[in-house]
Amino acid sequence: MLFSHIKNDTKWEILDKDHIDRLLKDKDYAIIEKEEKEEIKSPNEDLNILSYAEIKRLAKEKGLKYNNVKKEELIKSLKEGE
């Protein structure tokens, strides 16, 4: 879920449910409506251009281990899984 800090307009993607619950109650944060992103359709696409959060989301959707895993290792796992 995407949040924006109202006072300084910092944007964050939060994946932890407890953290999300805390931010929903905090008046200094607002939810940002997430635009649907195009799914990666080709293994030849450059995964390096995606943010770490986007790579983690893709790994989670594919059922891969994604917590405490470096971006490079996630990219390798995603490419091997396709």
PDB file of N, CA and C in Angstrom:
ATOM      1  N   MET A   1       0.850  -1.161   0.000  1.00  0.00           N
ATOM      2  CA  MET A   1       0.000   0.000   0.000  1.00  0.00           C
ATOM      3  C   MET A   1       0.902   1.232   0.000  1.00  0.00           C
ATOM      4  N   LEU A   2       0.555   2.212  -0.787  1.00  0.00           N
ATOM      5  CA  LEU A   2       1.348   3.438  -0.877  1.00  0.00           C
ATOM      6  C   LEU A   2       0.805   4.504   0.062  1.00  0.00           C
ATOM      7  N   PHE A   3       1.724   5.168   0.753  1.00  0.00           N
ATOM      8  CA  PHE A   3       1.379   6.251   1.660  1.00  0.00           C
ATOM      9  C   PHE A   3       2.205   7.477   1.323  1.00  0.00           C
ATOM     10  N   SER A   4       1.655   8.627   1.632  1.00  0.00           N
ATOM     11  CA  SER A   4       2.361   9.892   1.485  1.00  0.00           C
ATOM     12  C   SER A   4       2.334  10.617   2.822  1.00  0.00           C
ATOM     13  N   HIS A   5       3.500  11.125   3.231  1.00  0.00           N
ATOM     14  CA  HIS A   5       3.559  11.940   4.444  1.00  0.00           C
ATOM     15  C   HIS A   5       3.048  13.319   4.055  1.00  0.00           C
ATOM     16  N   ILE A   6       2.021  13.782   4.710  1.00  0.00           N
ATOM     17  CA  ILE A   6       1.329  15.008   4.319  1.00  0.00           C
ATOM     18  C   ILE A   6       2.225  16.238   4.434  1.00  0.00           C
ATOM     19  N   LYS A   7       3.038  16.316   5.477  1.00  0.00           N
ATOM     20  CA  LYS A   7       3.831  17.524   5.714  1.00  0.00           C
ATOM     21  C   LYS A   7       5.004  17.686   4.758  1.00  0.00           C
ATOM     22  N   ASN A   8       5.658  16.586   4.384  1.00  0.00           N
ATOM     23  CA  ASN A   8       6.825  16.740   3.503  1.00  0.00           C
ATOM     24  C   ASN A   8       6.689  15.990   2.177  1.00  0.00           C
ATOM     25  N   ASP A   9       5.526  15.421   1.917  1.00  0.00           N
ATOM     26  CA  ASP A   9       5.195  14.749   0.656  1.00  0.00           C
ATOM     27  C   ASP A   9       6.140  13.589   0.329  1.00  0.00           C
ATOM     28  N   THR A  10       6.692  12.941   1.349  1.00  0.00           N
ATOM     29  CA  THR A  10       7.491  11.746   1.138  1.00  0.00           C
ATOM     30  C   THR A  10       6.556  10.583   0.865  1.00  0.00           C
ATOM     31  N   LYS A  11       6.895   9.776  -0.132  1.00  0.00           N
ATOM     32  CA  LYS A  11       6.045   8.653  -0.510  1.00  0.00           C
ATOM     33  C   LYS A  11       6.722   7.348  -0.108  1.00  0.00           C
ATOM     34  N   TRP A  12       5.910   6.402   0.423  1.00  0.00           N
ATOM     35  CA  TRP A  12       6.413   5.121   0.893  1.00  0.00           C
ATOM     36  C   TRP A  12       5.489   4.005   0.425  1.00  0.00           C
ATOM     37  N   GLU A  13       6.089   2.880   0.048  1.00  0.00           N
ATOM     38  CA  GLU A  13       5.283   1.675  -0.181  1.00  0.00           C
ATOM     39  C   GLU A  13       5.494   0.790   1.040  1.00  0.00           C
ATOM     40  N   ILE A  14       4.414   0.511   1.750  1.00  0.00           N
ATOM     41  CA  ILE A  14       4.461  -0.265   2.975  1.00  0.00           C
ATOM     42  C   ILE A  14       3.815  -1.621   2.714  1.00  0.00           C
ATOM     43  N   LEU A  15       4.524  -2.695   3.077  1.00  0.00           N
ATOM     44  CA  LEU A  15       4.027  -4.043   2.846  1.00  0.00           C
ATOM     45  C   LEU A  15       3.606  -4.735   4.142  1.00  0.00           C
ATOM     46  N   ASP A  16       4.143  -4.301   5.261  1.00  0.00           N
ATOM     47  CA  ASP A  16       3.852  -4.919   6.553  1.00  0.00           C
ATOM     48  C   ASP A  16       2.465  -4.509   7.051  1.00  0.00           C
ATOM     49  N   LYS A  17       1.620  -5.508   7.367  1.00  0.00           N
ATOM     50  CA  LYS A  17       0.242  -5.237   7.770  1.00  0.00           C
ATOM     51  C   LYS A  17       0.158  -4.377   9.027  1.00  0.00           C
ATOM     52  N   ASP A  18       0.982  -4.672  10.039  1.00  0.00           N
ATOM     53  CA  ASP A  18       0.959  -3.885  11.272  1.00  0.00           C
ATOM     54  C   ASP A  18       1.357  -2.433  11.022  1.00  0.00           C
ATOM     55  N   HIS A  19       2.356  -2.235  10.177  1.00  0.00           N
ATOM     56  CA  HIS A  19       2.794  -0.879   9.837  1.00  0.00           C
ATOM     57  C   HIS A  19       1.687  -0.138   9.089  1.00  0.00           C
ATOM     58  N   ILE A  20       1.025  -0.845   8.179  1.00  0.00           N
ATOM     59  CA  ILE A  20      -0.085  -0.241   7.436  1.00  0.00           C
ATOM     60  C   ILE A  20      -1.185   0.202   8.397  1.00  0.00           C
ATOM     61  N   ASP A  21      -1.522  -0.662   9.354  1.00  0.00           N
ATOM     62  CA  ASP A  21      -2.567  -0.329  10.330  1.00  0.00           C
ATOM     63  C   ASP A  21      -2.206   0.923  11.128  1.00  0.00           C
ATOM     64  N   ARG A  22      -0.930   1.038  11.526  1.00  0.00           N
ATOM     65  CA  ARG A  22      -0.498   2.224  12.280  1.00  0.00           C
ATOM     66  C   ARG A  22      -0.603   3.493  11.434  1.00  0.00           C
ATOM     67  N   LEU A  23      -0.195   3.399  10.162  1.00  0.00           N
ATOM     68  CA  LEU A  23      -0.240   4.581   9.300  1.00  0.00           C
ATOM     69  C   LEU A  23      -1.668   4.987   8.956  1.00  0.00           C
ATOM     70  N   LEU A  24      -2.561   4.020   8.860  1.00  0.00           N
ATOM     71  CA  LEU A  24      -3.966   4.350   8.594  1.00  0.00           C
ATOM     72  C   LEU A  24      -4.572   5.178   9.724  1.00  0.00           C
ATOM     73  N   LYS A  25      -4.072   4.989  10.937  1.00  0.00           N
ATOM     74  CA  LYS A  25      -4.563   5.733  12.094  1.00  0.00           C
ATOM     75  C   LYS A  25      -3.842   7.066  12.291  1.00  0.00           C
ATOM     76  N   ASP A  26      -2.721   7.242  11.614  1.00  0.00           N
ATOM     77  CA  ASP A  26      -1.904   8.449  11.783  1.00  0.00           C
ATOM     78  C   ASP A  26      -2.400   9.551  10.845  1.00  0.00           C
ATOM     79  N   LYS A  27      -2.747  10.697  11.407  1.00  0.00           N
ATOM     80  CA  LYS A  27      -3.300  11.793  10.599  1.00  0.00           C
ATOM     81  C   LYS A  27      -2.254  12.458   9.696  1.00  0.00           C
ATOM     82  N   ASP A  28      -0.959  12.176   9.907  1.00  0.00           N
ATOM     83  CA  ASP A  28       0.092  12.767   9.086  1.00  0.00           C
ATOM     84  C   ASP A  28       0.356  12.007   7.791  1.00  0.00           C
ATOM     85  N   TYR A  29      -0.345  10.879   7.589  1.00  0.00           N
ATOM     86  CA  TYR A  29      -0.144  10.069   6.394  1.00  0.00           C
ATOM     87  C   TYR A  29      -1.458   9.910   5.635  1.00  0.00           C
ATOM     88  N   ALA A  30      -1.337   9.876   4.310  1.00  0.00           N
ATOM     89  CA  ALA A  30      -2.507   9.678   3.445  1.00  0.00           C
ATOM     90  C   ALA A  30      -2.207   8.530   2.490  1.00  0.00           C
ATOM     91  N   ILE A  31      -3.252   7.808   2.125  1.00  0.00           N
ATOM     92  CA  ILE A  31      -3.111   6.708   1.172  1.00  0.00           C
ATOM     93  C   ILE A  31      -3.007   7.281  -0.232  1.00  0.00           C
ATOM     94  N   ILE A  32      -2.118   6.722  -1.013  1.00  0.00           N
ATOM     95  CA  ILE A  32      -1.987   7.090  -2.419  1.00  0.00           C
ATOM     96  C   ILE A  32      -2.622   5.966  -3.221  1.00  0.00           C
ATOM     97  N   GLU A  33      -3.549   6.323  -4.077  1.00  0.00           N
ATOM     98  CA  GLU A  33      -4.177   5.310  -4.925  1.00  0.00           C
ATOM     99  C   GLU A  33      -3.128   4.797  -5.899  1.00  0.00           C
ATOM    100  N   LYS A  34      -2.924   3.495  -5.878  1.00  0.00           N
ATOM    101  CA  LYS A  34      -1.887   2.884  -6.701  1.00  0.00           C
ATOM    102  C   LYS A  34      -2.414   2.646  -8.113  1.00  0.00           C
ATOM    103  N   GLU A  35      -1.636   3.087  -9.078  1.00  0.00           N
ATOM    104  CA  GLU A  35      -1.990   2.846 -10.464  1.00  0.00           C
ATOM    105  C   GLU A  35      -1.618   1.414 -10.795  1.00  0.00           C
ATOM    106  N   GLU A  36      -2.438   0.789 -11.600  1.00  0.00           N
ATOM    107  CA  GLU A  36      -2.120  -0.572 -12.021  1.00  0.00           C
ATOM    108  C   GLU A  36      -0.884  -0.524 -12.908  1.00  0.00           C
ATOM    109  N   LYS A  37       0.088  -1.334 -12.548  1.00  0.00           N
ATOM    110  CA  LYS A  37       1.317  -1.393 -13.324  1.00  0.00           C
ATOM    111  C   LYS A  37       1.266  -2.587 -14.251  1.00  0.00           C
ATOM    112  N   GLU A  38       1.844  -2.416 -15.407  1.00  0.00           N
ATOM    113  CA  GLU A  38       1.865  -3.486 -16.383  1.00  0.00           C
ATOM    114  C   GLU A  38       2.752  -4.619 -15.871  1.00  0.00           C
ATOM    115  N   GLU A  39       2.228  -5.820 -15.932  1.00  0.00           N
ATOM    116  CA  GLU A  39       2.981  -6.981 -15.483  1.00  0.00           C
ATOM    117  C   GLU A  39       4.141  -7.240 -16.447  1.00  0.00           C
ATOM    118  N   ILE A  40       5.193  -7.817 -15.912  1.00  0.00           N
ATOM    119  CA  ILE A  40       6.328  -8.185 -16.751  1.00  0.00           C
ATOM    120  C   ILE A  40       5.922  -9.419 -17.555  1.00  0.00           C
ATOM    121  N   LYS A  41       5.975  -9.290 -18.861  1.00  0.00           N
ATOM    122  CA  LYS A  41       5.520 -10.351 -19.730  1.00  0.00           C
ATOM    123  C   LYS A  41       6.670 -11.084 -20.401  1.00  0.00           C
ATOM    124  N   SER A  42       7.812 -10.446 -20.464  1.00  0.00           N
ATOM    125  CA  SER A  42       8.931 -11.029 -21.167  1.00  0.00           C
ATOM    126  C   SER A  42      10.113 -11.209 -20.231  1.00  0.00           C
ATOM    127  N   PRO A  43      10.747 -12.389 -20.255  1.00  0.00           N
ATOM    128  CA  PRO A  43      11.927 -12.577 -19.417  1.00  0.00           C
ATOM    129  C   PRO A  43      13.085 -11.709 -19.867  1.00  0.00           C
ATOM    130  N   ASN A  44      12.975 -11.145 -21.076  1.00  0.00           N
ATOM    131  CA  ASN A  44      14.044 -10.302 -21.591  1.00  0.00           C
ATOM    132  C   ASN A  44      13.954  -8.858 -21.105  1.00  0.00           C
ATOM    133  N   GLU A  45      12.836  -8.505 -20.453  1.00  0.00           N
ATOM    134  CA  GLU A  45      12.716  -7.150 -19.923  1.00  0.00           C
ATOM    135  C   GLU A  45      13.753  -6.933 -18.839  1.00  0.00           C
ATOM    136  N   ASP A  46      14.241  -5.715 -18.728  1.00  0.00           N
ATOM    137  CA  ASP A  46      15.270  -5.400 -17.750  1.00  0.00           C
ATOM    138  C   ASP A  46      14.630  -5.169 -16.386  1.00  0.00           C
ATOM    139  N   LEU A  47      14.771  -6.142 -15.504  1.00  0.00           N
ATOM    140  CA  LEU A  47      14.211  -6.026 -14.161  1.00  0.00           C
ATOM    141  C   LEU A  47      14.954  -5.007 -13.318  1.00  0.00           C
ATOM    142  N   ASN A  48      16.157  -4.648 -13.726  1.00  0.00           N
ATOM    143  CA  ASN A  48      16.957  -3.693 -12.952  1.00  0.00           C
ATOM    144  C   ASN A  48      16.350  -2.296 -12.919  1.00  0.00           C
ATOM    145  N   ILE A  49      15.456  -1.989 -13.856  1.00  0.00           N
ATOM    146  CA  ILE A  49      14.858  -0.654 -13.857  1.00  0.00           C
ATOM    147  C   ILE A  49      13.745  -0.533 -12.829  1.00  0.00           C
ATOM    148  N   LEU A  50      13.260  -1.688 -12.303  1.00  0.00           N
ATOM    149  CA  LEU A  50      12.203  -1.666 -11.295  1.00  0.00           C
ATOM    150  C   LEU A  50      12.786  -1.376  -9.920  1.00  0.00           C
ATOM    151  N   SER A  51      11.970  -0.788  -9.064  1.00  0.00           N
ATOM    152  CA  SER A  51      12.412  -0.521  -7.687  1.00  0.00           C
ATOM    153  C   SER A  51      12.455  -1.838  -6.913  1.00  0.00           C
ATOM    154  N   TYR A  52      13.146  -1.807  -5.789  1.00  0.00           N
ATOM    155  CA  TYR A  52      13.244  -2.994  -4.929  1.00  0.00           C
ATOM    156  C   TYR A  52      11.848  -3.443  -4.485  1.00  0.00           C
ATOM    157  N   ALA A  53      10.991  -2.483  -4.144  1.00  0.00           N
ATOM    158  CA  ALA A  53       9.629  -2.812  -3.709  1.00  0.00           C
ATOM    159  C   ALA A  53       8.857  -3.506  -4.831  1.00  0.00           C
ATOM    160  N   GLU A  54       9.037  -3.056  -6.075  1.00  0.00           N
ATOM    161  CA  GLU A  54       8.346  -3.686  -7.207  1.00  0.00           C
ATOM    162  C   GLU A  54       8.863  -5.113  -7.440  1.00  0.00           C
ATOM    163  N   ILE A  55      10.177  -5.290  -7.300  1.00  0.00           N
ATOM    164  CA  ILE A  55      10.780  -6.618  -7.457  1.00  0.00           C
ATOM    165  C   ILE A  55      10.236  -7.554  -6.373  1.00  0.00           C
ATOM    166  N   LYS A  56      10.149  -7.052  -5.123  1.00  0.00           N
ATOM    167  CA  LYS A  56       9.625  -7.863  -4.026  1.00  0.00           C
ATOM    168  C   LYS A  56       8.172  -8.243  -4.288  1.00  0.00           C
ATOM    169  N   ARG A  57       7.386  -7.306  -4.805  1.00  0.00           N
ATOM    170  CA  ARG A  57       5.979  -7.578  -5.099  1.00  0.00           C
ATOM    171  C   ARG A  57       5.861  -8.683  -6.145  1.00  0.00           C
ATOM    172  N   LEU A  58       6.687  -8.616  -7.193  1.00  0.00           N
ATOM    173  CA  LEU A  58       6.658  -9.645  -8.228  1.00  0.00           C
ATOM    174  C   LEU A  58       7.053 -11.004  -7.654  1.00  0.00           C
ATOM    175  N   ALA A  59       8.079 -11.022  -6.810  1.00  0.00           N
ATOM    176  CA  ALA A  59       8.524 -12.274  -6.199  1.00  0.00           C
ATOM    177  C   ALA A  59       7.419 -12.857  -5.317  1.00  0.00           C
ATOM    178  N   LYS A  60       6.746 -11.989  -4.564  1.00  0.00           N
ATOM    179  CA  LYS A  60       5.660 -12.440  -3.697  1.00  0.00           C
ATOM    180  C   LYS A  60       4.531 -13.034  -4.534  1.00  0.00           C
ATOM    181  N   GLU A  61       4.176 -12.369  -5.632  1.00  0.00           N
ATOM    182  CA  GLU A  61       3.109 -12.852  -6.504  1.00  0.00           C
ATOM    183  C   GLU A  61       3.442 -14.207  -7.110  1.00  0.00           C
ATOM    184  N   LYS A  62       4.736 -14.468  -7.331  1.00  0.00           N
ATOM    185  CA  LYS A  62       5.151 -15.738  -7.930  1.00  0.00           C
ATOM    186  C   LYS A  62       5.447 -16.799  -6.884  1.00  0.00           C
ATOM    187  N   GLY A  63       5.237 -16.452  -5.598  1.00  0.00           N
ATOM    188  CA  GLY A  63       5.435 -17.421  -4.532  1.00  0.00           C
ATOM    189  C   GLY A  63       6.884 -17.665  -4.169  1.00  0.00           C
ATOM    190  N   LEU A  64       7.764 -16.723  -4.517  1.00  0.00           N
ATOM    191  CA  LEU A  64       9.184 -16.860  -4.203  1.00  0.00           C
ATOM    192  C   LEU A  64       9.492 -16.229  -2.852  1.00  0.00           C
ATOM    193  N   LYS A  65      10.589 -16.674  -2.233  1.00  0.00           N
ATOM    194  CA  LYS A  65      11.046 -16.050  -0.994  1.00  0.00           C
ATOM    195  C   LYS A  65      11.511 -14.630  -1.339  1.00  0.00           C
ATOM    196  N   TYR A  66      11.061 -13.644  -0.576  1.00  0.00           N
ATOM    197  CA  TYR A  66      11.400 -12.259  -0.901  1.00  0.00           C
ATOM    198  C   TYR A  66      11.859 -11.445   0.302  1.00  0.00           C
ATOM    199  N   ASN A  67      11.634 -11.920   1.524  1.00  0.00           N
ATOM    200  CA  ASN A  67      12.078 -11.169   2.702  1.00  0.00           C
ATOM    201  C   ASN A  67      13.557 -11.421   2.951  1.00  0.00           C
ATOM    202  N   ASN A  68      14.275 -10.364   3.266  1.00  0.00           N
ATOM    203  CA  ASN A  68      15.717 -10.436   3.550  1.00  0.00           C
ATOM    204  C   ASN A  68      16.508 -11.021   2.389  1.00  0.00           C
ATOM    205  N   VAL A  69      16.086 -10.710   1.171  1.00  0.00           N
ATOM    206  CA  VAL A  69      16.778 -11.165  -0.030  1.00  0.00           C
ATOM    207  C   VAL A  69      17.197  -9.929  -0.813  1.00  0.00           C
ATOM    208  N   LYS A  70      18.447  -9.921  -1.262  1.00  0.00           N
ATOM    209  CA  LYS A  70      18.961  -8.772  -2.018  1.00  0.00           C
ATOM    210  C   LYS A  70      18.264  -8.672  -3.381  1.00  0.00           C
ATOM    211  N   LYS A  71      18.232  -7.448  -3.905  1.00  0.00           N
ATOM    212  CA  LYS A  71      17.566  -7.187  -5.177  1.00  0.00           C
ATOM    213  C   LYS A  71      18.131  -8.064  -6.289  1.00  0.00           C
ATOM    214  N   GLU A  72      19.448  -8.192  -6.338  1.00  0.00           N
ATOM    215  CA  GLU A  72      20.083  -8.981  -7.391  1.00  0.00           C
ATOM    216  C   GLU A  72      19.650 -10.441  -7.316  1.00  0.00           C
ATOM    217  N   GLU A  73      19.528 -10.971  -6.091  1.00  0.00           N
ATOM    218  CA  GLU A  73      19.109 -12.360  -5.921  1.00  0.00           C
ATOM    219  C   GLU A  73      17.636 -12.548  -6.311  1.00  0.00           C
ATOM    220  N   LEU A  74      16.808 -11.532  -5.998  1.00  0.00           N
ATOM    221  CA  LEU A  74      15.399 -11.595  -6.399  1.00  0.00           C
ATOM    222  C   LEU A  74      15.268 -11.605  -7.919  1.00  0.00           C
ATOM    223  N   ILE A  75      16.044 -10.754  -8.579  1.00  0.00           N
ATOM    224  CA  ILE A  75      16.010 -10.691 -10.044  1.00  0.00           C
ATOM    225  C   ILE A  75      16.412 -12.040 -10.630  1.00  0.00           C
ATOM    226  N   LYS A  76      17.476 -12.635 -10.080  1.00  0.00           N
ATOM    227  CA  LYS A  76      17.931 -13.937 -10.565  1.00  0.00           C
ATOM    228  C   LYS A  76      16.830 -14.986 -10.392  1.00  0.00           C
ATOM    229  N   SER A  77      16.189 -14.998  -9.231  1.00  0.00           N
ATOM    230  CA  SER A  77      15.097 -15.955  -8.966  1.00  0.00           C
ATOM    231  C   SER A  77      13.934 -15.748  -9.922  1.00  0.00           C
ATOM    232  N   LEU A  78      13.579 -14.479 -10.163  1.00  0.00           N
ATOM    233  CA  LEU A  78      12.468 -14.200 -11.082  1.00  0.00           C
ATOM    234  C   LEU A  78      12.787 -14.659 -12.494  1.00  0.00           C
ATOM    235  N   LYS A  79      14.014 -14.434 -12.944  1.00  0.00           N
ATOM    236  CA  LYS A  79      14.398 -14.834 -14.297  1.00  0.00           C
ATOM    237  C   LYS A  79      14.436 -16.354 -14.418  1.00  0.00           C
ATOM    238  N   GLU A  80      14.881 -17.042 -13.361  1.00  0.00           N
ATOM    239  CA  GLU A  80      14.937 -18.509 -13.403  1.00  0.00           C
ATOM    240  C   GLU A  80      13.545 -19.116 -13.400  1.00  0.00           C
ATOM    241  N   GLY A  81      12.604 -18.411 -12.753  1.00  0.00           N
ATOM    242  CA  GLY A  81      11.252 -18.922 -12.648  1.00  0.00           C
ATOM    243  C   GLY A  81      10.407 -18.728 -13.889  1.00  0.00           C
ATOM    244  N   GLU A  82      10.871 -17.943 -14.825  1.00  0.00           N
ATOM    245  CA  GLU A  82      10.073 -17.662 -16.024  1.00  0.00           C
ATOM    246  C   GLU A  82      10.361 -18.665 -17.115  1.00  0.00           C
TER     247      GLU A  82
END
